[in-house]
Amino acid sequence: MTTFTIGVDPGASGAVAILDHQGKLVHVFDMPALEVVTGAKSKRRVSAEMLAADLRLYAEHSRAVVEQVGAMPGQGVTSMFAFGQSLGIVQGVLAGLGIPVQLVAPAKWKRALGVNAGKDGSRAMAVSLWPSSAGEFSRVKDDGRAEAALIAHWGQQNA
């Protein structure tokens, strides 16, 4: 019996949301990431250990829906590699915890839910679905949280 649906917007600036079987937002958090020094630059990278610790409590009775990301026009090779690596870390952590995973293309879940283009559309829809958690989506940079919650919501509707 699946009790929780975990929605994941992968990437170092993404987020994770957990809905209970009734669609209530139980928990939402920014993707756990560490600052990693590469050469002279410092970059944010998803932390597998921290993500596993955050999800372990929900592992036994959960399923996950993860946004199937790909390269975007104009994105550099290094950025694309890091983004793909983040997706791989997320999938590896979920597999290691024994959580079944469903991938969904961004266009598919957004079209099905009628999400307006742009990050504000995701935040607005998340606030309308979970008004008691509006504070979780109040900042512009909370678009990842909103998208993770909406991905989980899509997953529940399409289970």
Foldseek 3Di string as FASTA:
>chain_A
DAFKEKFWEWDLLAKIWIAGLVLATPDIDGQDWDFDDDPNDTDTAGDLVVVLVVCLVRLPRYAYEYEDDADDPPDDPVRRVRRVVRVVSVVVSNVVSVHHYHYDYPVVLCVVVVQDPDLVSLLVVQCVSHVVVNVCSVDSSSSNRSNRSSSSVSVSVVD
